[in-house]
């Protein structure tokens, strides 16, 4: 029986994954690096800034890494200040789940998750929001630290927890945490075979598998 659902934010709740891609593209232009969609999905999406930048540029130049990271945040904030779109299927699902005896939380790699949820007017659905790893000294996705920390804070066992993700790194983090995982295919999503994972095209009560 699932008693807790942990949602990734970008690409699952809010249609802001494109904002991350655009802001990373502009940021990497500082180093004259063209960021393709494939490089973004494989090496940047939902990963710690320092790790992603260092890997993509093959550099340990801390000053350059900080400049790119700061620029990314500035561009992303400019974009979310213009508009935050949400996925209607997720909002409809949240409205149903909000009436049920189930704990809902957001577990995001973004350090601006609360701000984005506030701008979208949907933060009230969630019992807890975890944003980024810096304050808690946790490793980012694809490591399971964020999800393990969330389950500990909510006193939820892995077998009672469902994680909803849209990125490969997030799905791998969820599986590694021991929880059940659903991947929602907003974009290209690599097929993964695992007995605790399934991929869906749309989020509804029925796609959750009747476990709620």
C-alpha atoms as a PDB file:
ATOM      1  CA  UNK A   1       0.000   0.000   0.000  1.00  0.00           C
ATOM      2  CA  UNK A   2       1.419   3.363  -1.044  1.00  0.00           C
ATOM      3  CA  UNK A   3       1.145   6.002   1.688  1.00  0.00           C
ATOM      4  CA  UNK A   4       3.659   8.575   0.388  1.00  0.00           C
ATOM      5  CA  UNK A   5       4.215  10.025  -3.087  1.00  0.00           C
ATOM      6  CA  UNK A   6       7.368  11.984  -3.883  1.00  0.00           C
ATOM      7  CA  UNK A   7       7.191  14.161  -6.992  1.00  0.00           C
ATOM      8  CA  UNK A   8      10.082  15.524  -8.957  1.00  0.00           C
ATOM      9  CA  UNK A   9       9.145  19.062 -10.015  1.00  0.00           C
ATOM     10  CA  UNK A  10      10.607  20.129 -13.379  1.00  0.00           C
ATOM     11  CA  UNK A  11       9.041  18.067 -16.145  1.00  0.00           C
ATOM     12  CA  UNK A  12       6.619  16.295 -13.794  1.00  0.00           C
ATOM     13  CA  UNK A  13       4.619  19.103 -12.154  1.00  0.00           C
ATOM     14  CA  UNK A  14       5.848  22.255 -13.868  1.00  0.00           C
ATOM     15  CA  UNK A  15       6.617  22.625 -17.554  1.00  0.00           C
ATOM     16  CA  UNK A  16       9.953  24.256 -16.722  1.00  0.00           C
ATOM     17  CA  UNK A  17      12.457  21.677 -17.949  1.00  0.00           C
ATOM     18  CA  UNK A  18      12.793  23.729 -21.132  1.00  0.00           C
ATOM     19  CA  UNK A  19      13.704  26.732 -18.989  1.00  0.00           C
ATOM     20  CA  UNK A  20      16.562  24.760 -17.468  1.00  0.00           C
ATOM     21  CA  UNK A  21      17.796  23.696 -20.899  1.00  0.00           C
ATOM     22  CA  UNK A  22      17.602  27.241 -22.274  1.00  0.00           C
ATOM     23  CA  UNK A  23      19.353  28.757 -19.254  1.00  0.00           C
ATOM     24  CA  UNK A  24      22.102  26.113 -19.391  1.00  0.00           C
ATOM     25  CA  UNK A  25      22.602  26.789 -23.096  1.00  0.00           C
ATOM     26  CA  UNK A  26      23.069  30.489 -22.420  1.00  0.00           C
ATOM     27  CA  UNK A  27      25.358  29.778 -19.473  1.00  0.00           C
ATOM     28  CA  UNK A  28      27.633  27.406 -21.387  1.00  0.00           C
ATOM     29  CA  UNK A  29      27.979  29.990 -24.143  1.00  0.00           C
ATOM     30  CA  UNK A  30      30.278  31.839 -21.727  1.00  0.00           C
ATOM     31  CA  UNK A  31      32.810  29.085 -22.414  1.00  0.00           C
ATOM     32  CA  UNK A  32      31.903  28.909 -26.127  1.00  0.00           C
ATOM     33  CA  UNK A  33      30.354  25.490 -25.545  1.00  0.00           C
ATOM     34  CA  UNK A  34      27.281  24.464 -27.522  1.00  0.00           C
ATOM     35  CA  UNK A  35      25.007  22.409 -25.299  1.00  0.00           C
ATOM     36  CA  UNK A  36      22.942  19.891 -27.269  1.00  0.00           C
ATOM     37  CA  UNK A  37      19.775  18.218 -26.007  1.00  0.00           C
ATOM     38  CA  UNK A  38      21.555  14.859 -25.778  1.00  0.00           C
ATOM     39  CA  UNK A  39      24.444  16.262 -23.725  1.00  0.00           C
ATOM     40  CA  UNK A  40      21.933  18.022 -21.480  1.00  0.00           C
ATOM     41  CA  UNK A  41      19.887  14.874 -20.821  1.00  0.00           C
ATOM     42  CA  UNK A  42      22.916  12.648 -20.243  1.00  0.00           C
ATOM     43  CA  UNK A  43      25.256  14.899 -18.276  1.00  0.00           C
ATOM     44  CA  UNK A  44      23.443  18.009 -16.982  1.00  0.00           C
ATOM     45  CA  UNK A  45      19.759  17.388 -16.259  1.00  0.00           C
ATOM     46  CA  UNK A  46      18.981  17.144 -12.521  1.00  0.00           C
ATOM     47  CA  UNK A  47      22.674  17.033 -11.593  1.00  0.00           C
ATOM     48  CA  UNK A  48      24.703  19.220  -9.262  1.00  0.00           C
ATOM     49  CA  UNK A  49      25.919  22.356 -11.064  1.00  0.00           C
ATOM     50  CA  UNK A  50      29.597  21.870 -10.254  1.00  0.00           C
ATOM     51  CA  UNK A  51      29.587  18.241 -11.371  1.00  0.00           C
ATOM     52  CA  UNK A  52      27.697  18.936 -14.592  1.00  0.00           C
ATOM     53  CA  UNK A  53      29.838  21.899 -15.641  1.00  0.00           C
ATOM     54  CA  UNK A  54      33.094  20.198 -14.769  1.00  0.00           C
ATOM     55  CA  UNK A  55      32.132  17.099 -16.717  1.00  0.00           C
ATOM     56  CA  UNK A  56      30.821  18.829 -19.837  1.00  0.00           C
ATOM     57  CA  UNK A  57      33.776  21.217 -20.087  1.00  0.00           C
ATOM     58  CA  UNK A  58      36.350  18.776 -18.669  1.00  0.00           C
ATOM     59  CA  UNK A  59      37.609  21.513 -16.367  1.00  0.00           C
ATOM     60  CA  UNK A  60      38.448  22.087 -12.711  1.00  0.00           C
ATOM     61  CA  UNK A  61      38.573  25.881 -13.096  1.00  0.00           C
ATOM     62  CA  UNK A  62      36.479  26.849 -10.070  1.00  0.00           C
ATOM     63  CA  UNK A  63      36.125  30.467 -11.165  1.00  0.00           C
ATOM     64  CA  UNK A  64      34.743  29.476 -14.566  1.00  0.00           C
ATOM     65  CA  UNK A  65      32.450  26.866 -13.015  1.00  0.00           C
ATOM     66  CA  UNK A  66      31.061  29.456 -10.577  1.00  0.00           C
ATOM     67  CA  UNK A  67      30.534  32.036 -13.349  1.00  0.00           C
ATOM     68  CA  UNK A  68      28.588  29.536 -15.459  1.00  0.00           C
ATOM     69  CA  UNK A  69      26.544  28.351 -12.480  1.00  0.00           C
ATOM     70  CA  UNK A  70      25.646  31.924 -11.452  1.00  0.00           C
ATOM     71  CA  UNK A  71      24.711  32.822 -15.032  1.00  0.00           C
ATOM     72  CA  UNK A  72      22.467  29.768 -15.286  1.00  0.00           C
ATOM     73  CA  UNK A  73      20.585  30.776 -12.134  1.00  0.00           C
ATOM     74  CA  UNK A  74      20.125  34.360 -13.356  1.00  0.00           C
ATOM     75  CA  UNK A  75      18.668  33.249 -16.688  1.00  0.00           C
ATOM     76  CA  UNK A  76      16.418  30.651 -15.051  1.00  0.00           C
ATOM     77  CA  UNK A  77      15.036  33.194 -12.571  1.00  0.00           C
ATOM     78  CA  UNK A  78      14.328  35.600 -15.424  1.00  0.00           C
ATOM     79  CA  UNK A  79      12.365  32.891 -17.245  1.00  0.00           C
ATOM     80  CA  UNK A  80      10.264  31.754 -14.276  1.00  0.00           C
ATOM     81  CA  UNK A  81       9.494  35.386 -13.439  1.00  0.00           C
ATOM     82  CA  UNK A  82       7.856  35.617 -16.855  1.00  0.00           C
ATOM     83  CA  UNK A  83       5.662  32.530 -16.508  1.00  0.00           C
ATOM     84  CA  UNK A  84       5.450  29.121 -14.819  1.00  0.00           C
ATOM     85  CA  UNK A  85       3.337  26.608 -16.718  1.00  0.00           C
ATOM     86  CA  UNK A  86       2.054  23.410 -15.112  1.00  0.00           C
ATOM     87  CA  UNK A  87       1.023  20.027 -16.493  1.00  0.00           C
ATOM     88  CA  UNK A  88      -2.743  19.695 -16.224  1.00  0.00           C
ATOM     89  CA  UNK A  89      -2.658  15.920 -15.768  1.00  0.00           C
ATOM     90  CA  UNK A  90      -0.441  16.312 -12.700  1.00  0.00           C
ATOM     91  CA  UNK A  91      -2.581  19.093 -11.232  1.00  0.00           C
ATOM     92  CA  UNK A  92      -5.733  16.999 -11.712  1.00  0.00           C
ATOM     93  CA  UNK A  93      -3.983  14.076 -10.023  1.00  0.00           C
ATOM     94  CA  UNK A  94      -2.856  16.279  -7.133  1.00  0.00           C
ATOM     95  CA  UNK A  95      -6.416  17.499  -6.596  1.00  0.00           C
ATOM     96  CA  UNK A  96      -7.577  13.883  -6.255  1.00  0.00           C
ATOM     97  CA  UNK A  97      -4.683  12.825  -4.029  1.00  0.00           C
ATOM     98  CA  UNK A  98      -5.050  15.896  -1.809  1.00  0.00           C
ATOM     99  CA  UNK A  99      -8.417  14.544  -0.660  1.00  0.00           C
ATOM    100  CA  UNK A 100      -6.979  11.143   0.204  1.00  0.00           C
ATOM    101  CA  UNK A 101      -4.968   9.928   3.192  1.00  0.00           C
ATOM    102  CA  UNK A 102      -1.641  10.101   1.394  1.00  0.00           C
ATOM    103  CA  UNK A 103       1.460  12.208   2.069  1.00  0.00           C
ATOM    104  CA  UNK A 104       2.604  14.353  -0.858  1.00  0.00           C
ATOM    105  CA  UNK A 105       6.054  15.919  -1.220  1.00  0.00           C
ATOM    106  CA  UNK A 106       8.265  17.520  -3.840  1.00  0.00           C
ATOM    107  CA  UNK A 107      11.860  16.327  -4.078  1.00  0.00           C
ATOM    108  CA  UNK A 108      13.702  18.496  -6.579  1.00  0.00           C
ATOM    109  CA  UNK A 109      17.320  19.021  -7.555  1.00  0.00           C
ATOM    110  CA  UNK A 110      16.452  22.690  -8.059  1.00  0.00           C
ATOM    111  CA  UNK A 111      17.433  25.122  -5.318  1.00  0.00           C
ATOM    112  CA  UNK A 112      14.477  27.293  -6.406  1.00  0.00           C
ATOM    113  CA  UNK A 113      11.708  24.689  -6.096  1.00  0.00           C
ATOM    114  CA  UNK A 114       9.683  26.523  -3.425  1.00  0.00           C
ATOM    115  CA  UNK A 115       9.834  29.753  -5.406  1.00  0.00           C
ATOM    116  CA  UNK A 116       8.621  28.011  -8.565  1.00  0.00           C
ATOM    117  CA  UNK A 117       5.771  26.231  -6.756  1.00  0.00           C
ATOM    118  CA  UNK A 118       4.722  29.512  -5.142  1.00  0.00           C
ATOM    119  CA  UNK A 119       4.660  31.266  -8.516  1.00  0.00           C
ATOM    120  CA  UNK A 120       2.507  28.445  -9.904  1.00  0.00           C
ATOM    121  CA  UNK A 121       0.188  28.682  -6.867  1.00  0.00           C
ATOM    122  CA  UNK A 122       0.392  24.967  -6.042  1.00  0.00           C
ATOM    123  CA  UNK A 123       2.706  24.692  -3.049  1.00  0.00           C
ATOM    124  CA  UNK A 124      -0.254  24.100  -0.725  1.00  0.00           C
ATOM    125  CA  UNK A 125      -0.703  20.571  -2.077  1.00  0.00           C
ATOM    126  CA  UNK A 126       2.531  19.371  -0.507  1.00  0.00           C
ATOM    127  CA  UNK A 127       3.401  18.373   3.044  1.00  0.00           C
ATOM    128  CA  UNK A 128       7.100  18.988   2.372  1.00  0.00           C
ATOM    129  CA  UNK A 129       9.332  20.484  -0.326  1.00  0.00           C
ATOM    130  CA  UNK A 130      12.986  19.512  -0.586  1.00  0.00           C
ATOM    131  CA  UNK A 131      14.953  21.781  -2.880  1.00  0.00           C
ATOM    132  CA  UNK A 132      18.501  20.904  -3.866  1.00  0.00           C
ATOM    133  CA  UNK A 133      21.237  19.257  -1.853  1.00  0.00           C
ATOM    134  CA  UNK A 134      23.445  22.056  -0.573  1.00  0.00           C
ATOM    135  CA  UNK A 135      21.854  22.683   2.838  1.00  0.00           C
ATOM    136  CA  UNK A 136      21.697  19.000   3.746  1.00  0.00           C
ATOM    137  CA  UNK A 137      25.102  17.988   2.351  1.00  0.00           C
ATOM    138  CA  UNK A 138      23.504  15.344   0.128  1.00  0.00           C
ATOM    139  CA  UNK A 139      24.584  13.994  -3.233  1.00  0.00           C
ATOM    140  CA  UNK A 140      22.325  14.914  -6.123  1.00  0.00           C
ATOM    141  CA  UNK A 141      20.531  12.590  -8.497  1.00  0.00           C
ATOM    142  CA  UNK A 142      21.304   9.943  -9.849  1.00  0.00           C
ATOM    143  CA  UNK A 143      22.376   9.138  -6.267  1.00  0.00           C
ATOM    144  CA  UNK A 144      19.425   8.195  -4.036  1.00  0.00           C
ATOM    145  CA  UNK A 145      20.311  10.631  -1.224  1.00  0.00           C
ATOM    146  CA  UNK A 146      17.484  13.131  -1.806  1.00  0.00           C
ATOM    147  CA  UNK A 147      14.813  10.443  -1.865  1.00  0.00           C
ATOM    148  CA  UNK A 148      16.274   8.555   1.082  1.00  0.00           C
ATOM    149  CA  UNK A 149      16.355  11.828   3.048  1.00  0.00           C
ATOM    150  CA  UNK A 150      12.736  12.588   2.115  1.00  0.00           C
ATOM    151  CA  UNK A 151      11.535   9.154   3.218  1.00  0.00           C
ATOM    152  CA  UNK A 152      13.393   9.518   6.511  1.00  0.00           C
ATOM    153  CA  UNK A 153      11.886  12.954   7.157  1.00  0.00           C
ATOM    154  CA  UNK A 154       8.387  11.675   6.347  1.00  0.00           C
ATOM    155  CA  UNK A 155       8.862   8.392   8.217  1.00  0.00           C
ATOM    156  CA  UNK A 156       7.939   6.441   5.092  1.00  0.00           C
ATOM    157  CA  UNK A 157       9.309   3.032   4.165  1.00  0.00           C
ATOM    158  CA  UNK A 158      10.561   2.481   0.575  1.00  0.00           C
ATOM    159  CA  UNK A 159       7.911  -0.163  -0.121  1.00  0.00           C
ATOM    160  CA  UNK A 160       5.225   2.354   0.940  1.00  0.00           C
ATOM    161  CA  UNK A 161       6.658   5.146  -1.223  1.00  0.00           C
ATOM    162  CA  UNK A 162       6.025   6.017  -4.872  1.00  0.00           C
ATOM    163  CA  UNK A 163       8.421   8.331  -6.721  1.00  0.00           C
ATOM    164  CA  UNK A 164       7.323  10.120  -9.905  1.00  0.00           C
ATOM    165  CA  UNK A 165      10.116  11.275 -12.210  1.00  0.00           C
ATOM    166  CA  UNK A 166      10.749  12.300 -15.803  1.00  0.00           C
ATOM    167  CA  UNK A 167      14.548  12.122 -16.149  1.00  0.00           C
ATOM    168  CA  UNK A 168      16.897   9.174 -16.393  1.00  0.00           C
ATOM    169  CA  UNK A 169      19.017  10.405 -13.486  1.00  0.00           C
ATOM    170  CA  UNK A 170      15.927  10.884 -11.320  1.00  0.00           C
ATOM    171  CA  UNK A 171      14.527   7.465 -12.188  1.00  0.00           C
ATOM    172  CA  UNK A 172      17.847   5.812 -11.324  1.00  0.00           C
ATOM    173  CA  UNK A 173      17.895   7.732  -8.023  1.00  0.00           C
ATOM    174  CA  UNK A 174      14.404   6.548  -7.224  1.00  0.00           C
ATOM    175  CA  UNK A 175      15.147   2.916  -8.009  1.00  0.00           C
ATOM    176  CA  UNK A 176      18.350   3.052  -5.943  1.00  0.00           C
ATOM    177  CA  UNK A 177      16.359   4.365  -2.970  1.00  0.00           C
ATOM    178  CA  UNK A 178      14.315   1.160  -2.879  1.00  0.00           C
ATOM    179  CA  UNK A 179      11.007   2.884  -3.597  1.00  0.00           C
ATOM    180  CA  UNK A 180       8.532   2.242  -6.401  1.00  0.00           C
ATOM    181  CA  UNK A 181       9.082   4.523  -9.403  1.00  0.00           C
ATOM    182  CA  UNK A 182       6.939   5.839 -12.242  1.00  0.00           C
ATOM    183  CA  UNK A 183       8.557   7.666 -15.138  1.00  0.00           C
ATOM    184  CA  UNK A 184       6.300  10.071 -17.029  1.00  0.00           C
ATOM    185  CA  UNK A 185       7.427  10.442 -20.630  1.00  0.00           C
ATOM    186  CA  UNK A 186       7.164  14.181 -21.239  1.00  0.00           C
ATOM    187  CA  UNK A 187      10.118  13.904 -23.596  1.00  0.00           C
ATOM    188  CA  UNK A 188      12.392  11.107 -24.753  1.00  0.00           C
ATOM    189  CA  UNK A 189      12.712   8.629 -21.913  1.00  0.00           C
ATOM    190  CA  UNK A 190      15.067   5.687 -22.092  1.00  0.00           C
ATOM    191  CA  UNK A 191      13.456   2.325 -21.441  1.00  0.00           C
ATOM    192  CA  UNK A 192      14.490   0.783 -18.137  1.00  0.00           C
ATOM    193  CA  UNK A 193      13.549  -2.725 -17.092  1.00  0.00           C
ATOM    194  CA  UNK A 194      13.023  -3.080 -13.352  1.00  0.00           C
ATOM    195  CA  UNK A 195      10.327  -4.747 -11.275  1.00  0.00           C
ATOM    196  CA  UNK A 196       9.702  -1.534  -9.285  1.00  0.00           C
ATOM    197  CA  UNK A 197       9.539   0.781 -12.310  1.00  0.00           C
ATOM    198  CA  UNK A 198       7.091   1.551 -15.081  1.00  0.00           C
ATOM    199  CA  UNK A 199       6.795   4.300 -17.684  1.00  0.00           C
ATOM    200  CA  UNK A 200       3.541   6.115 -18.481  1.00  0.00           C
ATOM    201  CA  UNK A 201       2.575   8.820 -20.957  1.00  0.00           C
ATOM    202  CA  UNK A 202       0.144  10.601 -18.643  1.00  0.00           C
ATOM    203  CA  UNK A 203      -0.422  10.806 -14.891  1.00  0.00           C
ATOM    204  CA  UNK A 204      -3.829   9.641 -13.685  1.00  0.00           C
ATOM    205  CA  UNK A 205      -5.089   7.630 -10.718  1.00  0.00           C
ATOM    206  CA  UNK A 206      -5.295   4.570 -12.975  1.00  0.00           C
ATOM    207  CA  UNK A 207      -1.675   4.892 -14.148  1.00  0.00           C
ATOM    208  CA  UNK A 208      -0.572   4.772 -10.530  1.00  0.00           C
ATOM    209  CA  UNK A 209      -1.554   1.130 -10.621  1.00  0.00           C
ATOM    210  CA  UNK A 210      -4.402   1.055  -8.130  1.00  0.00           C
ATOM    211  CA  UNK A 211      -2.039   1.336  -5.175  1.00  0.00           C
ATOM    212  CA  UNK A 212      -3.580   4.519  -3.762  1.00  0.00           C
END
